[in-house]
Amino acid sequence: MSIPRSKYYYKPKKDKYKDFAILDKIKGIATAFPSYGYRRITAALRREGMTVNHKKVYRIMCQNGICCSIRRSYKNTTNSNHDLAKYPNLVKNLVPLRVDELWHADITYIRFKVSFAYLACLIDGFSRKVIGYAIGKTLSPALTIAIARLA
């Protein structure tokens, strides 16, 4: 053979101008429908007659910063609209100057494979160290009483 080996194994680079044409179409669809993700944009491009893969659309969108952000569902956990007594925050403007002047209490849960465990702890406001803690299977008043007895 008279041709060099490099010519035989040469693969031409991708056509960047074709990507620019796809990018223009993607930008047009994304501005018209800002909530569309790469799947919907791919479907819209196919409806317009373009043969394009969803992976290529996703890559072009991410490279140009057009990716749609995922909307997460918001859970409102605090209900302030009730007729019960609302107590003022007495330590809002208090800055602790020494240890054992201000304590905070917190309750959280720890997830296990089978169930939950609840952790109640008492925290010093100045040093932010845990003074006492208790772990229980249920969220009962006995859990918070147990940390009050430890302190």
N, C-alpha and C. Protein backbone atom coordinates (compact mmCIF):
# COMPACT_ATOMS: atom_id res chain seq x y z
N MET A 1 0.83 -1.19 0.00
CA MET A 1 0.00 0.00 0.00
C MET A 1 0.87 1.24 0.00
N SER A 2 0.36 2.24 -0.64
CA SER A 2 1.14 3.47 -0.75
C SER A 2 0.67 4.57 0.19
N ILE A 3 -0.41 4.35 0.98
CA ILE A 3 -0.88 5.39 1.91
C ILE A 3 -0.30 5.12 3.30
N PRO A 4 -0.02 6.19 4.05
CA PRO A 4 0.51 5.99 5.40
C PRO A 4 -0.55 5.39 6.34
N ARG A 5 -0.06 4.74 7.37
CA ARG A 5 -0.96 4.10 8.34
C ARG A 5 -1.83 5.13 9.06
N SER A 6 -1.30 6.31 9.35
CA SER A 6 -2.05 7.35 10.06
C SER A 6 -3.28 7.79 9.27
N LYS A 7 -3.18 7.78 7.95
CA LYS A 7 -4.34 8.15 7.14
C LYS A 7 -5.42 7.08 7.20
N TYR A 8 -5.00 5.84 7.34
CA TYR A 8 -5.95 4.74 7.39
C TYR A 8 -6.77 4.78 8.68
N TYR A 9 -6.11 5.11 9.81
CA TYR A 9 -6.78 5.13 11.10
C TYR A 9 -7.33 6.50 11.48
N TYR A 10 -7.21 7.46 10.62
CA TYR A 10 -7.67 8.82 10.93
C TYR A 10 -9.19 8.87 11.04
N LYS A 11 -9.65 9.50 12.14
CA LYS A 11 -11.08 9.74 12.31
C LYS A 11 -11.30 11.24 12.28
N PRO A 12 -12.16 11.73 11.41
CA PRO A 12 -12.36 13.18 11.37
C PRO A 12 -13.03 13.66 12.66
N LYS A 13 -12.67 14.89 13.04
CA LYS A 13 -13.25 15.48 14.25
C LYS A 13 -14.72 15.80 14.02
N LYS A 14 -15.43 15.94 15.15
CA LYS A 14 -16.86 16.22 15.06
C LYS A 14 -17.10 17.59 14.45
N ASP A 15 -18.21 17.72 13.79
CA ASP A 15 -18.56 18.97 13.14
C ASP A 15 -19.10 19.93 14.20
N LYS A 16 -18.27 20.95 14.54
CA LYS A 16 -18.68 21.91 15.56
C LYS A 16 -19.79 22.83 15.06
N TYR A 17 -19.84 23.04 13.75
CA TYR A 17 -20.86 23.93 13.21
C TYR A 17 -22.25 23.32 13.34
N LYS A 18 -22.32 21.99 13.30
CA LYS A 18 -23.60 21.31 13.49
C LYS A 18 -24.07 21.50 14.94
N ASP A 19 -23.11 21.46 15.90
CA ASP A 19 -23.45 21.69 17.30
C ASP A 19 -23.97 23.11 17.52
N PHE A 20 -23.41 24.08 16.78
CA PHE A 20 -23.89 25.46 16.90
C PHE A 20 -25.31 25.59 16.38
N ALA A 21 -25.64 24.86 15.35
CA ALA A 21 -27.01 24.89 14.81
C ALA A 21 -27.98 24.29 15.83
N ILE A 22 -27.55 23.20 16.47
CA ILE A 22 -28.39 22.58 17.51
C ILE A 22 -28.51 23.52 18.70
N LEU A 23 -27.40 24.19 19.04
CA LEU A 23 -27.41 25.12 20.18
C LEU A 23 -28.39 26.26 19.94
N ASP A 24 -28.42 26.80 18.73
CA ASP A 24 -29.36 27.88 18.42
C ASP A 24 -30.81 27.41 18.58
N LYS A 25 -31.10 26.22 18.12
CA LYS A 25 -32.46 25.67 18.27
C LYS A 25 -32.79 25.45 19.74
N ILE A 26 -31.81 24.92 20.50
CA ILE A 26 -32.03 24.66 21.93
C ILE A 26 -32.29 25.97 22.66
N LYS A 27 -31.51 27.00 22.35
CA LYS A 27 -31.72 28.31 23.01
C LYS A 27 -33.09 28.87 22.70
N GLY A 28 -33.54 28.70 21.47
CA GLY A 28 -34.87 29.19 21.10
C GLY A 28 -35.97 28.48 21.87
N ILE A 29 -35.84 27.17 22.00
CA ILE A 29 -36.85 26.40 22.74
C ILE A 29 -36.77 26.72 24.23
N ALA A 30 -35.54 26.85 24.76
CA ALA A 30 -35.36 27.11 26.20
C ALA A 30 -35.87 28.49 26.60
N THR A 31 -35.76 29.47 25.72
CA THR A 31 -36.30 30.80 26.05
C THR A 31 -37.82 30.82 25.95
N ALA A 32 -38.36 30.05 25.02
CA ALA A 32 -39.82 29.99 24.89
C ALA A 32 -40.45 29.19 26.03
N PHE A 33 -39.76 28.12 26.45
CA PHE A 33 -40.26 27.26 27.53
C PHE A 33 -39.15 27.08 28.58
N PRO A 34 -39.03 28.01 29.54
CA PRO A 34 -37.91 27.94 30.49
C PRO A 34 -37.95 26.75 31.44
N SER A 35 -39.09 26.12 31.59
CA SER A 35 -39.17 24.98 32.50
C SER A 35 -38.85 23.65 31.82
N TYR A 36 -38.54 23.68 30.53
CA TYR A 36 -38.21 22.46 29.80
C TYR A 36 -36.81 21.97 30.18
N GLY A 37 -36.68 20.68 30.41
CA GLY A 37 -35.39 20.05 30.62
C GLY A 37 -34.89 19.47 29.31
N TYR A 38 -33.80 18.70 29.40
CA TYR A 38 -33.20 18.18 28.18
C TYR A 38 -34.09 17.15 27.49
N ARG A 39 -34.92 16.44 28.24
CA ARG A 39 -35.79 15.44 27.62
C ARG A 39 -36.87 16.11 26.76
N ARG A 40 -37.49 17.14 27.33
CA ARG A 40 -38.55 17.83 26.57
C ARG A 40 -37.97 18.58 25.38
N ILE A 41 -36.78 19.16 25.57
CA ILE A 41 -36.15 19.87 24.46
C ILE A 41 -35.79 18.89 23.35
N THR A 42 -35.31 17.70 23.72
CA THR A 42 -35.01 16.68 22.71
C THR A 42 -36.28 16.31 21.94
N ALA A 43 -37.39 16.15 22.64
CA ALA A 43 -38.66 15.83 21.97
C ALA A 43 -39.10 16.97 21.06
N ALA A 44 -38.89 18.22 21.48
CA ALA A 44 -39.26 19.37 20.65
C ALA A 44 -38.39 19.44 19.40
N LEU A 45 -37.10 19.12 19.54
CA LEU A 45 -36.20 19.10 18.38
C LEU A 45 -36.61 18.01 17.40
N ARG A 46 -37.01 16.88 17.90
CA ARG A 46 -37.45 15.79 17.02
C ARG A 46 -38.75 16.15 16.31
N ARG A 47 -39.63 16.88 16.99
CA ARG A 47 -40.87 17.33 16.34
C ARG A 47 -40.57 18.30 15.20
N GLU A 48 -39.46 19.05 15.36
CA GLU A 48 -39.07 19.98 14.29
C GLU A 48 -38.32 19.28 13.17
N GLY A 49 -38.07 17.98 13.31
CA GLY A 49 -37.45 17.22 12.24
C GLY A 49 -35.96 16.98 12.40
N MET A 50 -35.39 17.36 13.54
CA MET A 50 -33.96 17.13 13.77
C MET A 50 -33.76 15.75 14.39
N THR A 51 -32.80 15.01 13.88
CA THR A 51 -32.45 13.72 14.46
C THR A 51 -31.30 13.97 15.43
N VAL A 52 -31.61 13.93 16.72
CA VAL A 52 -30.61 14.25 17.74
C VAL A 52 -30.83 13.35 18.95
N ASN A 53 -29.74 12.99 19.60
CA ASN A 53 -29.77 12.11 20.76
C ASN A 53 -29.95 12.95 22.03
N HIS A 54 -30.63 12.41 23.03
CA HIS A 54 -30.85 13.16 24.27
C HIS A 54 -29.54 13.41 25.02
N LYS A 55 -28.56 12.53 24.86
CA LYS A 55 -27.26 12.73 25.52
C LYS A 55 -26.52 13.93 24.94
N LYS A 56 -26.63 14.11 23.64
CA LYS A 56 -25.98 15.25 22.99
C LYS A 56 -26.66 16.55 23.41
N VAL A 57 -27.98 16.53 23.48
CA VAL A 57 -28.72 17.72 23.92
C VAL A 57 -28.33 18.09 25.35
N TYR A 58 -28.24 17.07 26.21
CA TYR A 58 -27.85 17.31 27.60
C TYR A 58 -26.44 17.88 27.68
N ARG A 59 -25.50 17.33 26.90
CA ARG A 59 -24.11 17.80 26.91
C ARG A 59 -24.03 19.25 26.44
N ILE A 60 -24.73 19.58 25.36
CA ILE A 60 -24.70 20.95 24.83
C ILE A 60 -25.32 21.92 25.82
N MET A 61 -26.42 21.50 26.46
CA MET A 61 -27.07 22.38 27.44
C MET A 61 -26.18 22.63 28.65
N CYS A 62 -25.52 21.59 29.13
CA CYS A 62 -24.65 21.77 30.30
C CYS A 62 -23.42 22.60 29.97
N GLN A 63 -22.85 22.43 28.78
CA GLN A 63 -21.68 23.21 28.38
C GLN A 63 -21.99 24.68 28.24
N ASN A 64 -23.23 25.03 27.93
CA ASN A 64 -23.61 26.42 27.71
C ASN A 64 -24.44 27.00 28.84
N GLY A 65 -24.61 26.24 29.92
CA GLY A 65 -25.32 26.76 31.10
C GLY A 65 -26.81 26.95 30.89
N ILE A 66 -27.43 26.11 30.11
CA ILE A 66 -28.87 26.23 29.83
C ILE A 66 -29.66 25.21 30.64
N CYS A 67 -29.00 24.36 31.40
CA CYS A 67 -29.69 23.29 32.12
C CYS A 67 -30.74 23.86 33.07
N CYS A 68 -31.88 23.21 33.09
CA CYS A 68 -32.99 23.62 33.94
C CYS A 68 -32.75 23.11 35.35
N SER A 69 -33.01 23.94 36.35
CA SER A 69 -32.84 23.50 37.73
C SER A 69 -34.06 22.69 38.16
N ILE A 70 -33.82 21.69 38.98
CA ILE A 70 -34.89 20.79 39.42
C ILE A 70 -35.68 21.48 40.52
N ARG A 71 -37.00 21.49 40.37
CA ARG A 71 -37.86 22.07 41.41
C ARG A 71 -38.13 21.02 42.46
N ARG A 72 -37.77 21.32 43.69
CA ARG A 72 -38.01 20.41 44.80
C ARG A 72 -39.32 20.80 45.48
N SER A 73 -40.02 19.81 45.98
CA SER A 73 -41.25 20.11 46.70
C SER A 73 -40.90 20.69 48.07
N TYR A 74 -41.61 21.73 48.47
CA TYR A 74 -41.34 22.42 49.72
C TYR A 74 -42.31 21.93 50.77
N LYS A 75 -41.78 21.52 51.89
CA LYS A 75 -42.62 21.06 53.00
C LYS A 75 -42.59 22.13 54.09
N ASN A 76 -43.76 22.64 54.40
CA ASN A 76 -43.88 23.63 55.46
C ASN A 76 -44.05 22.88 56.78
N THR A 77 -43.03 22.90 57.61
CA THR A 77 -43.06 22.11 58.84
C THR A 77 -43.55 22.91 60.05
N THR A 78 -43.49 24.22 59.98
CA THR A 78 -43.90 25.05 61.11
C THR A 78 -45.29 25.62 60.83
N ASN A 79 -46.19 25.46 61.79
CA ASN A 79 -47.53 26.01 61.68
C ASN A 79 -47.68 27.11 62.73
N SER A 80 -47.62 28.36 62.30
CA SER A 80 -47.75 29.49 63.23
C SER A 80 -49.18 30.00 63.32
N ASN A 81 -50.08 29.49 62.49
CA ASN A 81 -51.47 29.92 62.54
C ASN A 81 -52.26 29.01 63.47
N HIS A 82 -52.15 29.28 64.75
CA HIS A 82 -52.91 28.51 65.74
C HIS A 82 -53.36 29.44 66.84
N ASP A 83 -54.31 28.99 67.65
CA ASP A 83 -54.87 29.81 68.72
C ASP A 83 -54.18 29.56 70.05
N LEU A 84 -53.14 28.78 70.07
CA LEU A 84 -52.41 28.51 71.31
C LEU A 84 -51.55 29.71 71.69
N ALA A 85 -51.07 29.69 72.91
CA ALA A 85 -50.25 30.80 73.41
C ALA A 85 -48.92 30.84 72.68
N LYS A 86 -48.50 32.04 72.28
CA LYS A 86 -47.20 32.24 71.64
C LYS A 86 -46.30 32.97 72.63
N TYR A 87 -45.22 32.33 72.99
CA TYR A 87 -44.33 32.88 74.01
C TYR A 87 -43.21 33.67 73.34
N PRO A 88 -42.82 34.81 73.93
CA PRO A 88 -41.76 35.62 73.32
C PRO A 88 -40.39 34.96 73.50
N ASN A 89 -39.47 35.32 72.63
CA ASN A 89 -38.10 34.83 72.70
C ASN A 89 -37.33 35.70 73.70
N LEU A 90 -37.06 35.17 74.87
CA LEU A 90 -36.43 35.94 75.94
C LEU A 90 -34.92 36.08 75.75
N VAL A 91 -34.32 35.25 74.92
CA VAL A 91 -32.87 35.28 74.76
C VAL A 91 -32.47 35.80 73.37
N LYS A 92 -33.35 36.54 72.72
CA LYS A 92 -33.08 37.00 71.36
C LYS A 92 -31.86 37.93 71.32
N ASN A 93 -31.77 38.85 72.24
CA ASN A 93 -30.68 39.82 72.26
C ASN A 93 -29.64 39.52 73.34
N LEU A 94 -29.72 38.35 73.96
CA LEU A 94 -28.79 38.00 75.03
C LEU A 94 -27.53 37.36 74.44
N VAL A 95 -26.38 37.91 74.79
CA VAL A 95 -25.10 37.34 74.36
C VAL A 95 -24.46 36.72 75.60
N PRO A 96 -24.28 35.39 75.61
CA PRO A 96 -23.70 34.76 76.80
C PRO A 96 -22.23 35.15 76.96
N LEU A 97 -21.85 35.47 78.20
CA LEU A 97 -20.48 35.91 78.50
C LEU A 97 -19.68 34.85 79.24
N ARG A 98 -20.34 33.83 79.75
CA ARG A 98 -19.63 32.78 80.48
C ARG A 98 -20.38 31.45 80.30
N VAL A 99 -19.74 30.38 80.72
CA VAL A 99 -20.31 29.05 80.63
C VAL A 99 -21.49 28.92 81.59
N ASP A 100 -22.47 28.12 81.24
CA ASP A 100 -23.67 27.83 82.03
C ASP A 100 -24.57 29.05 82.24
N GLU A 101 -24.48 30.02 81.39
CA GLU A 101 -25.37 31.18 81.47
C GLU A 101 -26.60 30.99 80.60
N LEU A 102 -26.45 30.26 79.49
CA LEU A 102 -27.54 30.05 78.55
C LEU A 102 -27.44 28.63 78.01
N TRP A 103 -28.56 27.90 78.06
CA TRP A 103 -28.61 26.55 77.55
C TRP A 103 -29.66 26.46 76.44
N HIS A 104 -29.35 25.65 75.45
CA HIS A 104 -30.29 25.36 74.37
C HIS A 104 -30.64 23.88 74.43
N ALA A 105 -31.86 23.56 74.06
CA ALA A 105 -32.28 22.16 73.96
C ALA A 105 -32.67 21.88 72.52
N ASP A 106 -32.36 20.69 72.05
CA ASP A 106 -32.69 20.31 70.69
C ASP A 106 -33.07 18.84 70.65
N ILE A 107 -34.03 18.52 69.79
CA ILE A 107 -34.47 17.14 69.60
C ILE A 107 -34.38 16.85 68.11
N THR A 108 -33.77 15.72 67.78
CA THR A 108 -33.68 15.29 66.39
C THR A 108 -33.85 13.78 66.32
N TYR A 109 -33.90 13.26 65.12
CA TYR A 109 -34.05 11.82 64.99
C TYR A 109 -32.85 11.24 64.26
N ILE A 110 -32.58 9.98 64.53
CA ILE A 110 -31.51 9.25 63.86
C ILE A 110 -32.18 8.10 63.12
N ARG A 111 -31.93 8.00 61.83
CA ARG A 111 -32.56 6.97 61.01
C ARG A 111 -31.69 5.72 61.00
N PHE A 112 -32.32 4.60 61.27
CA PHE A 112 -31.68 3.29 61.14
C PHE A 112 -32.34 2.55 59.98
N LYS A 113 -31.84 1.38 59.65
CA LYS A 113 -32.43 0.62 58.54
C LYS A 113 -33.86 0.21 58.84
N VAL A 114 -34.14 -0.11 60.10
CA VAL A 114 -35.46 -0.64 60.46
C VAL A 114 -36.37 0.43 61.05
N SER A 115 -35.82 1.31 61.91
CA SER A 115 -36.68 2.26 62.62
C SER A 115 -35.92 3.56 62.85
N PHE A 116 -36.46 4.37 63.77
CA PHE A 116 -35.87 5.64 64.14
C PHE A 116 -35.51 5.61 65.62
N ALA A 117 -34.57 6.45 66.00
CA ALA A 117 -34.28 6.73 67.41
C ALA A 117 -34.24 8.24 67.55
N TYR A 118 -34.72 8.73 68.66
CA TYR A 118 -34.77 10.17 68.89
C TYR A 118 -33.66 10.56 69.85
N LEU A 119 -33.00 11.67 69.54
CA LEU A 119 -31.89 12.18 70.33
C LEU A 119 -32.27 13.55 70.84
N ALA A 120 -32.27 13.71 72.16
CA ALA A 120 -32.50 15.00 72.79
C ALA A 120 -31.22 15.41 73.47
N CYS A 121 -30.80 16.65 73.26
CA CYS A 121 -29.54 17.08 73.88
C CYS A 121 -29.69 18.49 74.42
N LEU A 122 -28.85 18.79 75.41
CA LEU A 122 -28.79 20.09 76.06
C LEU A 122 -27.43 20.69 75.73
N ILE A 123 -27.41 21.89 75.15
CA ILE A 123 -26.20 22.51 74.63
C ILE A 123 -25.95 23.82 75.36
N ASP A 124 -24.70 24.06 75.75
CA ASP A 124 -24.32 25.31 76.39
C ASP A 124 -24.24 26.41 75.33
N GLY A 125 -24.84 27.55 75.60
CA GLY A 125 -24.89 28.64 74.63
C GLY A 125 -23.58 29.35 74.42
N PHE A 126 -22.69 29.34 75.42
CA PHE A 126 -21.41 30.03 75.30
C PHE A 126 -20.36 29.17 74.62
N SER A 127 -20.16 27.96 75.13
CA SER A 127 -19.11 27.09 74.59
C SER A 127 -19.62 26.17 73.48
N ARG A 128 -20.93 26.06 73.34
CA ARG A 128 -21.59 25.19 72.36
C ARG A 128 -21.19 23.72 72.52
N LYS A 129 -20.95 23.34 73.72
CA LYS A 129 -20.66 21.95 74.03
C LYS A 129 -21.93 21.28 74.54
N VAL A 130 -22.02 19.98 74.29
CA VAL A 130 -23.18 19.22 74.74
C VAL A 130 -23.02 18.95 76.23
N ILE A 131 -24.01 19.38 77.00
CA ILE A 131 -23.97 19.17 78.46
C ILE A 131 -24.54 17.80 78.80
N GLY A 132 -25.62 17.44 78.16
CA GLY A 132 -26.25 16.15 78.40
C GLY A 132 -27.09 15.72 77.22
N TYR A 133 -27.28 14.43 77.08
CA TYR A 133 -28.10 13.93 75.99
C TYR A 133 -28.80 12.65 76.43
N ALA A 134 -29.88 12.33 75.73
CA ALA A 134 -30.62 11.11 75.98
C ALA A 134 -31.15 10.59 74.65
N ILE A 135 -31.19 9.27 74.52
CA ILE A 135 -31.68 8.62 73.31
C ILE A 135 -32.86 7.75 73.67
N GLY A 136 -33.92 7.84 72.89
CA GLY A 136 -35.11 7.04 73.15
C GLY A 136 -35.76 6.56 71.87
N LYS A 137 -36.61 5.54 72.01
CA LYS A 137 -37.31 4.99 70.85
C LYS A 137 -38.52 5.82 70.47
N THR A 138 -39.11 6.51 71.43
CA THR A 138 -40.29 7.34 71.17
C THR A 138 -40.01 8.78 71.55
N LEU A 139 -40.78 9.65 70.98
CA LEU A 139 -40.66 11.07 71.27
C LEU A 139 -41.61 11.40 72.42
N SER A 140 -41.18 11.03 73.61
CA SER A 140 -42.04 11.19 74.79
C SER A 140 -41.44 12.24 75.73
N PRO A 141 -42.25 12.76 76.66
CA PRO A 141 -41.72 13.73 77.63
C PRO A 141 -40.61 13.14 78.51
N ALA A 142 -40.60 11.83 78.68
CA ALA A 142 -39.56 11.21 79.50
C ALA A 142 -38.16 11.43 78.91
N LEU A 143 -38.09 11.60 77.59
CA LEU A 143 -36.81 11.84 76.94
C LEU A 143 -36.23 13.19 77.33
N THR A 144 -37.05 14.23 77.31
CA THR A 144 -36.56 15.56 77.68
C THR A 144 -36.33 15.67 79.19
N ILE A 145 -37.12 14.97 79.97
CA ILE A 145 -36.91 14.98 81.42
C ILE A 145 -35.60 14.31 81.77
N ALA A 146 -35.21 13.31 81.00
CA ALA A 146 -33.96 12.60 81.25
C ALA A 146 -32.76 13.51 81.06
N ILE A 147 -32.78 14.39 80.06
CA ILE A 147 -31.62 15.29 79.89
C ILE A 147 -31.63 16.40 80.93
N ALA A 148 -32.80 16.78 81.42
CA ALA A 148 -32.85 17.79 82.48
C ALA A 148 -32.28 17.24 83.77
N ARG A 149 -32.47 15.96 84.03
CA ARG A 149 -31.92 15.33 85.24
C ARG A 149 -30.41 15.19 85.15
N LEU A 150 -29.88 15.00 83.94
CA LEU A 150 -28.44 14.83 83.77
C LEU A 150 -27.68 16.13 84.03
N ALA A 151 -28.29 17.24 83.73
CA ALA A 151 -27.59 18.53 83.83
C ALA A 151 -27.54 19.07 85.20
